[in-house]
Amino acid sequence: MIQLQTFLFIGGTEIVFILFIVILVFGADKLPEIARGLGQAMRQIKDATNDIKHEVTKSAQDNSLIDNDVTKSVKDELNKVKDDLEDFTGSLKRNQ
């Protein structure tokens, strides 16, 4: 017996069924208010995570844990290698 497990992947029929149940429970006139509230909550979560990320980065820079010159030079070297690799693979693709 093959059992398909889907954890976070919801198909179209499941979404329609969930919306149908939500409309039955809350009513069609309350749906925009619920969506607005969910949107605001998601925005607050996103802002909070950005604030935390900013504070951690600022704290690391203040304590000299992040050396901007070193990270910039590493990024430059990685970009050079990436460009060289793209040039090499581009010539290989054209020769095939």
N, C-alpha and C. Protein backbone atom coordinates (compact mmCIF):
# COMPACT_ATOMS: atom_id res chain seq x y z
N MET A 1 0.84 -1.18 0.00
CA MET A 1 0.00 0.00 0.00
C MET A 1 0.89 1.25 0.00
N ILE A 2 0.72 2.09 -0.97
CA ILE A 2 1.49 3.32 -1.08
C ILE A 2 0.71 4.43 -0.40
N GLN A 3 1.41 5.09 0.50
CA GLN A 3 0.76 6.19 1.23
C GLN A 3 1.50 7.48 0.91
N LEU A 4 0.79 8.45 0.39
CA LEU A 4 1.38 9.74 0.08
C LEU A 4 1.23 10.65 1.29
N GLN A 5 2.35 11.18 1.75
CA GLN A 5 2.31 12.08 2.88
C GLN A 5 2.60 13.48 2.41
N THR A 6 1.70 14.37 2.72
CA THR A 6 1.91 15.78 2.42
C THR A 6 1.81 16.54 3.72
N PHE A 7 2.87 17.21 4.06
CA PHE A 7 2.90 17.91 5.34
C PHE A 7 2.43 19.34 5.20
N LEU A 8 3.12 20.11 4.43
CA LEU A 8 2.76 21.52 4.27
C LEU A 8 2.22 21.83 2.88
N PHE A 9 2.12 20.85 2.04
CA PHE A 9 1.68 21.09 0.69
C PHE A 9 0.18 20.85 0.59
N ILE A 10 -0.53 21.90 0.30
CA ILE A 10 -1.98 21.83 0.22
C ILE A 10 -2.37 22.04 -1.24
N GLY A 11 -3.19 21.15 -1.74
CA GLY A 11 -3.64 21.26 -3.12
C GLY A 11 -4.79 22.24 -3.26
N GLY A 12 -5.21 22.44 -4.49
CA GLY A 12 -6.29 23.39 -4.79
C GLY A 12 -7.62 22.99 -4.18
N THR A 13 -7.92 21.69 -4.22
CA THR A 13 -9.19 21.25 -3.67
C THR A 13 -9.25 21.43 -2.16
N GLU A 14 -8.12 21.23 -1.49
CA GLU A 14 -8.09 21.43 -0.04
C GLU A 14 -8.30 22.90 0.32
N ILE A 15 -7.71 23.80 -0.47
CA ILE A 15 -7.87 25.23 -0.22
C ILE A 15 -9.33 25.64 -0.42
N VAL A 16 -9.96 25.14 -1.48
CA VAL A 16 -11.36 25.45 -1.73
C VAL A 16 -12.23 24.93 -0.59
N PHE A 17 -11.96 23.72 -0.13
CA PHE A 17 -12.72 23.14 0.98
C PHE A 17 -12.54 23.96 2.26
N ILE A 18 -11.32 24.38 2.56
CA ILE A 18 -11.07 25.19 3.75
C ILE A 18 -11.79 26.53 3.65
N LEU A 19 -11.75 27.16 2.48
CA LEU A 19 -12.46 28.43 2.29
C LEU A 19 -13.96 28.25 2.45
N PHE A 20 -14.49 27.13 1.96
CA PHE A 20 -15.91 26.84 2.10
C PHE A 20 -16.29 26.73 3.58
N ILE A 21 -15.50 26.03 4.34
CA ILE A 21 -15.76 25.88 5.77
C ILE A 21 -15.66 27.23 6.48
N VAL A 22 -14.66 28.04 6.12
CA VAL A 22 -14.50 29.36 6.74
C VAL A 22 -15.71 30.24 6.43
N ILE A 23 -16.19 30.20 5.21
CA ILE A 23 -17.36 31.00 4.84
C ILE A 23 -18.60 30.52 5.61
N LEU A 24 -18.73 29.21 5.77
CA LEU A 24 -19.86 28.68 6.53
C LEU A 24 -19.80 29.09 8.00
N VAL A 25 -18.62 29.08 8.58
CA VAL A 25 -18.48 29.38 10.01
C VAL A 25 -18.60 30.87 10.27
N PHE A 26 -17.89 31.69 9.51
CA PHE A 26 -17.83 33.12 9.81
C PHE A 26 -18.78 33.97 8.97
N GLY A 27 -19.16 33.50 7.84
CA GLY A 27 -20.01 34.28 6.95
C GLY A 27 -19.19 35.06 5.95
N ALA A 28 -19.79 35.33 4.80
CA ALA A 28 -19.08 36.01 3.72
C ALA A 28 -18.75 37.46 4.05
N ASP A 29 -19.56 38.11 4.88
CA ASP A 29 -19.31 39.51 5.20
C ASP A 29 -18.14 39.68 6.18
N LYS A 30 -17.77 38.66 6.93
CA LYS A 30 -16.65 38.74 7.87
C LYS A 30 -15.32 38.35 7.23
N LEU A 31 -15.36 37.76 6.06
CA LEU A 31 -14.16 37.26 5.40
C LEU A 31 -13.12 38.35 5.13
N PRO A 32 -13.49 39.53 4.62
CA PRO A 32 -12.47 40.57 4.42
C PRO A 32 -11.82 41.03 5.72
N GLU A 33 -12.58 41.08 6.81
CA GLU A 33 -12.01 41.48 8.09
C GLU A 33 -10.99 40.45 8.58
N ILE A 34 -11.32 39.18 8.39
CA ILE A 34 -10.41 38.11 8.80
C ILE A 34 -9.13 38.17 7.97
N ALA A 35 -9.28 38.35 6.67
CA ALA A 35 -8.10 38.43 5.79
C ALA A 35 -7.25 39.64 6.13
N ARG A 36 -7.88 40.77 6.44
CA ARG A 36 -7.13 41.97 6.81
C ARG A 36 -6.36 41.73 8.11
N GLY A 37 -7.00 41.08 9.07
CA GLY A 37 -6.33 40.79 10.34
C GLY A 37 -5.16 39.84 10.16
N LEU A 38 -5.34 38.82 9.31
CA LEU A 38 -4.23 37.90 9.04
C LEU A 38 -3.08 38.61 8.34
N GLY A 39 -3.41 39.50 7.41
CA GLY A 39 -2.37 40.27 6.71
C GLY A 39 -1.59 41.16 7.65
N GLN A 40 -2.29 41.82 8.57
CA GLN A 40 -1.62 42.68 9.55
C GLN A 40 -0.73 41.86 10.48
N ALA A 41 -1.21 40.69 10.89
CA ALA A 41 -0.42 39.83 11.76
C ALA A 41 0.84 39.35 11.06
N MET A 42 0.71 38.97 9.78
CA MET A 42 1.88 38.53 9.03
C MET A 42 2.88 39.67 8.85
N ARG A 43 2.38 40.88 8.64
CA ARG A 43 3.26 42.04 8.49
C ARG A 43 4.00 42.33 9.79
N GLN A 44 3.32 42.21 10.93
CA GLN A 44 3.96 42.44 12.22
C GLN A 44 5.04 41.40 12.48
N ILE A 45 4.77 40.16 12.11
CA ILE A 45 5.78 39.11 12.29
C ILE A 45 7.00 39.39 11.41
N LYS A 46 6.75 39.80 10.17
CA LYS A 46 7.85 40.11 9.26
C LYS A 46 8.68 41.28 9.78
N ASP A 47 8.01 42.32 10.27
CA ASP A 47 8.72 43.48 10.82
C ASP A 47 9.54 43.09 12.05
N ALA A 48 8.97 42.24 12.90
CA ALA A 48 9.68 41.81 14.11
C ALA A 48 10.93 41.01 13.75
N THR A 49 10.83 40.11 12.77
CA THR A 49 11.99 39.33 12.39
C THR A 49 13.06 40.21 11.74
N ASN A 50 12.64 41.22 10.96
CA ASN A 50 13.61 42.15 10.37
C ASN A 50 14.29 42.97 11.45
N ASP A 51 13.54 43.40 12.48
CA ASP A 51 14.14 44.14 13.59
C ASP A 51 15.16 43.30 14.34
N ILE A 52 14.82 42.04 14.58
CA ILE A 52 15.74 41.15 15.28
C ILE A 52 17.01 40.94 14.45
N LYS A 53 16.82 40.73 13.16
CA LYS A 53 17.96 40.53 12.28
C LYS A 53 18.87 41.77 12.26
N HIS A 54 18.23 42.95 12.20
CA HIS A 54 18.99 44.20 12.20
C HIS A 54 19.76 44.37 13.51
N GLU A 55 19.13 44.07 14.63
CA GLU A 55 19.78 44.22 15.93
C GLU A 55 20.95 43.25 16.08
N VAL A 56 20.79 42.02 15.61
CA VAL A 56 21.88 41.05 15.71
C VAL A 56 23.06 41.50 14.85
N THR A 57 22.77 41.97 13.64
CA THR A 57 23.83 42.44 12.76
C THR A 57 24.53 43.66 13.35
N LYS A 58 23.76 44.60 13.89
CA LYS A 58 24.34 45.81 14.48
C LYS A 58 25.20 45.45 15.69
N SER A 59 24.73 44.54 16.51
CA SER A 59 25.48 44.12 17.69
C SER A 59 26.78 43.43 17.28
N ALA A 60 26.72 42.61 16.25
CA ALA A 60 27.93 41.93 15.78
C ALA A 60 28.93 42.92 15.21
N GLN A 61 28.45 43.94 14.51
CA GLN A 61 29.35 44.96 13.98
C GLN A 61 29.95 45.81 15.10
N ASP A 62 29.15 46.13 16.11
CA ASP A 62 29.65 46.93 17.23
C ASP A 62 30.71 46.17 18.01
N ASN A 63 30.59 44.87 18.10
CA ASN A 63 31.56 44.06 18.85
C ASN A 63 32.67 43.52 17.95
N SER A 64 32.77 44.05 16.75
CA SER A 64 33.80 43.68 15.77
C SER A 64 33.78 42.19 15.45
N LEU A 65 32.61 41.59 15.49
CA LEU A 65 32.50 40.19 15.10
C LEU A 65 32.39 40.05 13.59
N ILE A 66 31.93 41.11 12.96
CA ILE A 66 31.82 41.11 11.50
C ILE A 66 32.78 42.16 10.98
N ASP A 67 33.75 41.72 10.22
CA ASP A 67 34.71 42.64 9.61
C ASP A 67 34.25 42.91 8.19
N ASN A 68 33.79 44.13 7.94
CA ASN A 68 33.23 44.45 6.64
C ASN A 68 34.23 44.34 5.51
N ASP A 69 35.50 44.69 5.78
CA ASP A 69 36.51 44.60 4.73
C ASP A 69 36.76 43.15 4.33
N VAL A 70 36.79 42.28 5.30
CA VAL A 70 37.04 40.86 5.01
C VAL A 70 35.85 40.28 4.25
N THR A 71 34.64 40.56 4.71
CA THR A 71 33.47 40.00 4.03
C THR A 71 33.34 40.56 2.62
N LYS A 72 33.70 41.84 2.44
CA LYS A 72 33.64 42.43 1.10
C LYS A 72 34.65 41.77 0.16
N SER A 73 35.86 41.52 0.66
CA SER A 73 36.87 40.89 -0.20
C SER A 73 36.48 39.44 -0.52
N VAL A 74 35.88 38.74 0.43
CA VAL A 74 35.44 37.37 0.18
C VAL A 74 34.32 37.37 -0.86
N LYS A 75 33.38 38.30 -0.74
CA LYS A 75 32.30 38.39 -1.72
C LYS A 75 32.84 38.71 -3.11
N ASP A 76 33.83 39.61 -3.18
CA ASP A 76 34.43 39.93 -4.47
C ASP A 76 35.09 38.71 -5.10
N GLU A 77 35.83 37.95 -4.30
CA GLU A 77 36.48 36.75 -4.82
C GLU A 77 35.46 35.71 -5.28
N LEU A 78 34.39 35.56 -4.51
CA LEU A 78 33.34 34.61 -4.90
C LEU A 78 32.67 35.04 -6.21
N ASN A 79 32.46 36.34 -6.37
CA ASN A 79 31.86 36.83 -7.61
C ASN A 79 32.79 36.60 -8.80
N LYS A 80 34.12 36.75 -8.60
CA LYS A 80 35.07 36.48 -9.67
C LYS A 80 35.03 35.02 -10.08
N VAL A 81 35.01 34.14 -9.09
CA VAL A 81 34.96 32.70 -9.37
C VAL A 81 33.64 32.36 -10.08
N LYS A 82 32.56 32.96 -9.62
CA LYS A 82 31.25 32.71 -10.24
C LYS A 82 31.25 33.16 -11.70
N ASP A 83 31.81 34.34 -11.96
CA ASP A 83 31.88 34.83 -13.34
C ASP A 83 32.74 33.93 -14.21
N ASP A 84 33.89 33.49 -13.66
CA ASP A 84 34.75 32.59 -14.42
C ASP A 84 34.04 31.28 -14.73
N LEU A 85 33.32 30.78 -13.75
CA LEU A 85 32.59 29.52 -13.95
C LEU A 85 31.49 29.69 -14.98
N GLU A 86 30.78 30.81 -14.95
CA GLU A 86 29.74 31.06 -15.94
C GLU A 86 30.33 31.19 -17.33
N ASP A 87 31.50 31.84 -17.45
CA ASP A 87 32.16 31.94 -18.75
C ASP A 87 32.55 30.56 -19.26
N PHE A 88 33.07 29.72 -18.37
CA PHE A 88 33.50 28.38 -18.76
C PHE A 88 32.31 27.53 -19.17
N THR A 89 31.25 27.54 -18.38
CA THR A 89 30.08 26.72 -18.72
C THR A 89 29.38 27.26 -19.94
N GLY A 90 29.43 28.58 -20.15
CA GLY A 90 28.83 29.15 -21.36
C GLY A 90 29.52 28.66 -22.61
N SER A 91 30.87 28.58 -22.56
CA SER A 91 31.59 28.09 -23.73
C SER A 91 31.34 26.60 -23.94
N LEU A 92 31.14 25.86 -22.87
CA LEU A 92 30.82 24.44 -23.01
C LEU A 92 29.45 24.24 -23.62
N LYS A 93 28.50 25.05 -23.22
CA LYS A 93 27.14 24.92 -23.75
C LYS A 93 27.10 25.26 -25.23
N ARG A 94 27.90 26.25 -25.65
CA ARG A 94 27.91 26.64 -27.06
C ARG A 94 28.57 25.58 -27.93
N ASN A 95 29.54 24.82 -27.39
CA ASN A 95 30.26 23.83 -28.17
C ASN A 95 29.46 22.55 -28.37
N GLN A 96 28.43 22.34 -27.59
CA GLN A 96 27.68 21.08 -27.70
C GLN A 96 26.78 21.07 -28.88
